[in-house]
């Protein structure tokens, strides 16, 4: 048995359950994007801009894990489709922020709402104290996963 295999045998089962949630999330995003004729990066861009607010194309690209030129191509394509808009800064006209349009908000709500309802139904099966433990656990997992993030 090699060193990596031995290490894997000592990993807590909850760690693998978290991995499974992450994979299910990726799959869900891909399925939701496909259902509205987008790719996963496009729908993720809308989700990021909805969650964090307007940001520059470079920052959006970093959050998506794509290059600057690829981010520009994504923004161009989604702006042409009516999902994103470039907004010039009032204080520095050279700065441009990318924001979502009402059409993008409507699509995001339509594809996310069924998943949110299902997640909420599961969460409602937990007691108040169980929910508190899960929220704390997930916050710590999120913090661990965001360690080293550059944005």
Protein backbone atom coordinates (compact mmCIF):
# COMPACT_ATOMS: atom_id res chain seq x y z
CA UNK A 1 0.00 0.00 0.00
CA UNK A 2 1.47 3.36 -0.96
CA UNK A 3 1.71 6.41 1.29
CA UNK A 4 -1.25 8.22 -0.30
CA UNK A 5 -3.53 5.20 0.01
CA UNK A 6 -2.59 4.80 3.68
CA UNK A 7 -3.28 8.49 4.31
CA UNK A 8 -6.70 8.21 2.63
CA UNK A 9 -7.68 5.36 4.93
CA UNK A 10 -7.20 7.69 7.91
CA UNK A 11 -9.36 10.51 6.54
CA UNK A 12 -12.57 11.17 8.46
CA UNK A 13 -15.71 9.98 6.66
CA UNK A 14 -17.21 13.47 7.05
CA UNK A 15 -14.37 14.84 4.94
CA UNK A 16 -15.45 12.54 2.11
CA UNK A 17 -19.07 13.61 2.64
CA UNK A 18 -17.97 17.25 2.17
CA UNK A 19 -16.14 16.22 -1.00
CA UNK A 20 -19.36 14.60 -2.22
CA UNK A 21 -21.32 17.82 -1.53
CA UNK A 22 -18.75 19.82 -3.51
CA UNK A 23 -19.00 17.41 -6.43
CA UNK A 24 -22.82 17.44 -6.29
CA UNK A 25 -22.68 21.25 -6.33
CA UNK A 26 -20.52 21.24 -9.46
CA UNK A 27 -22.87 18.78 -11.13
CA UNK A 28 -25.93 20.81 -10.11
CA UNK A 29 -24.37 23.99 -11.53
CA UNK A 30 -23.63 22.22 -14.82
CA UNK A 31 -27.19 20.86 -15.04
CA UNK A 32 -28.74 24.23 -14.20
CA UNK A 33 -26.55 26.00 -16.75
CA UNK A 34 -27.46 23.46 -19.43
CA UNK A 35 -31.16 23.90 -18.65
CA UNK A 36 -30.92 27.58 -19.65
CA UNK A 37 -28.51 27.11 -22.56
CA UNK A 38 -25.41 28.38 -20.78
CA UNK A 39 -22.15 26.84 -19.71
CA UNK A 40 -21.25 26.46 -16.04
CA UNK A 41 -18.84 29.43 -16.07
CA UNK A 42 -21.56 31.72 -17.42
CA UNK A 43 -24.03 30.74 -14.73
CA UNK A 44 -21.31 30.87 -12.07
CA UNK A 45 -20.44 34.40 -13.20
CA UNK A 46 -24.06 35.45 -12.67
CA UNK A 47 -24.08 33.78 -9.25
CA UNK A 48 -20.82 35.50 -8.23
CA UNK A 49 -22.02 38.92 -9.35
CA UNK A 50 -25.37 38.40 -7.60
CA UNK A 51 -23.59 37.38 -4.40
CA UNK A 52 -20.64 39.81 -4.31
CA UNK A 53 -21.97 42.68 -6.43
CA UNK A 54 -20.32 44.42 -9.36
CA UNK A 55 -16.65 43.72 -9.95
CA UNK A 56 -14.08 44.28 -12.65
CA UNK A 57 -13.64 41.72 -15.42
CA UNK A 58 -10.21 40.74 -14.08
CA UNK A 59 -11.59 40.01 -10.59
CA UNK A 60 -14.49 38.07 -12.09
CA UNK A 61 -11.99 36.03 -14.10
CA UNK A 62 -9.93 35.33 -10.97
CA UNK A 63 -13.00 34.15 -9.09
CA UNK A 64 -13.93 31.91 -12.02
CA UNK A 65 -10.36 30.62 -12.32
CA UNK A 66 -9.98 31.80 -15.91
CA UNK A 67 -7.50 34.13 -17.62
CA UNK A 68 -8.11 37.82 -18.22
CA UNK A 69 -8.68 37.36 -21.97
CA UNK A 70 -11.09 34.49 -21.29
CA UNK A 71 -12.97 36.66 -18.77
CA UNK A 72 -13.23 39.45 -21.34
CA UNK A 73 -14.61 36.97 -23.89
CA UNK A 74 -17.14 35.68 -21.32
CA UNK A 75 -18.25 39.22 -20.42
CA UNK A 76 -18.51 40.21 -24.10
CA UNK A 77 -20.63 37.14 -24.89
CA UNK A 78 -22.89 37.57 -21.87
CA UNK A 79 -23.25 41.30 -22.43
CA UNK A 80 -24.32 40.61 -26.02
CA UNK A 81 -26.85 38.06 -24.72
CA UNK A 82 -28.23 40.67 -22.30
CA UNK A 83 -27.12 39.01 -19.05
CA UNK A 84 -24.25 41.30 -18.03
CA UNK A 85 -23.58 45.01 -18.37
CA UNK A 86 -20.40 47.03 -18.13
CA UNK A 87 -20.75 50.14 -15.99
CA UNK A 88 -18.13 52.89 -15.95
CA UNK A 89 -17.07 54.30 -12.60
CA UNK A 90 -18.39 57.77 -11.79
CA UNK A 91 -15.07 58.72 -10.21
CA UNK A 92 -12.61 57.07 -12.63
CA UNK A 93 -13.97 56.66 -16.16
CA UNK A 94 -11.16 54.19 -16.96
CA UNK A 95 -12.56 51.70 -14.45
CA UNK A 96 -15.33 49.39 -15.56
CA UNK A 97 -17.42 47.15 -13.35
CA UNK A 98 -19.45 44.22 -14.56
CA UNK A 99 -22.95 43.80 -13.19
CA UNK A 100 -25.89 41.49 -13.82
CA UNK A 101 -29.00 42.58 -15.67
CA UNK A 102 -32.60 41.94 -14.68
CA UNK A 103 -32.68 39.12 -17.26
CA UNK A 104 -29.76 37.41 -15.51
CA UNK A 105 -31.41 37.85 -12.11
CA UNK A 106 -34.59 36.22 -13.43
CA UNK A 107 -32.67 33.27 -14.86
CA UNK A 108 -30.67 32.85 -11.64
CA UNK A 109 -33.85 32.87 -9.56
CA UNK A 110 -35.56 30.39 -11.87
CA UNK A 111 -32.72 27.87 -11.85
CA UNK A 112 -31.70 28.26 -8.20
CA UNK A 113 -35.12 28.32 -6.56
CA UNK A 114 -35.91 24.58 -6.93
CA UNK A 115 -32.52 23.69 -5.40
CA UNK A 116 -32.98 26.22 -2.59
CA UNK A 117 -36.40 24.78 -1.78
CA UNK A 118 -34.96 21.24 -1.59
CA UNK A 119 -32.03 22.34 0.58
CA UNK A 120 -34.37 24.30 2.83
CA UNK A 121 -36.63 21.26 3.23
CA UNK A 122 -33.65 19.21 4.40
CA UNK A 123 -32.49 21.98 6.75
CA UNK A 124 -35.97 22.21 8.27
CA UNK A 125 -35.75 18.55 9.34
CA UNK A 126 -33.01 19.52 11.80
CA UNK A 127 -33.59 20.86 15.27
CA UNK A 128 -32.47 24.37 16.13
CA UNK A 129 -29.37 23.05 17.89
CA UNK A 130 -28.54 20.70 15.00
CA UNK A 131 -28.88 23.60 12.56
CA UNK A 132 -26.50 25.66 14.72
CA UNK A 133 -23.90 22.85 14.66
CA UNK A 134 -24.25 22.41 10.89
CA UNK A 135 -23.98 26.17 10.25
CA UNK A 136 -20.85 26.36 12.39
CA UNK A 137 -19.33 23.32 10.65
CA UNK A 138 -20.10 24.69 7.19
CA UNK A 139 -18.71 28.12 8.10
CA UNK A 140 -15.45 26.50 9.22
CA UNK A 141 -15.32 24.33 6.07
CA UNK A 142 -15.91 27.44 3.94
CA UNK A 143 -13.15 29.29 5.78
CA UNK A 144 -10.75 26.37 5.28
CA UNK A 145 -11.58 26.17 1.58
CA UNK A 146 -11.15 29.93 1.14
CA UNK A 147 -7.70 29.90 2.75
CA UNK A 148 -5.18 31.30 0.32
CA UNK A 149 -7.83 32.90 -1.87
CA UNK A 150 -6.45 35.94 -3.65
CA UNK A 151 -9.59 38.10 -3.90
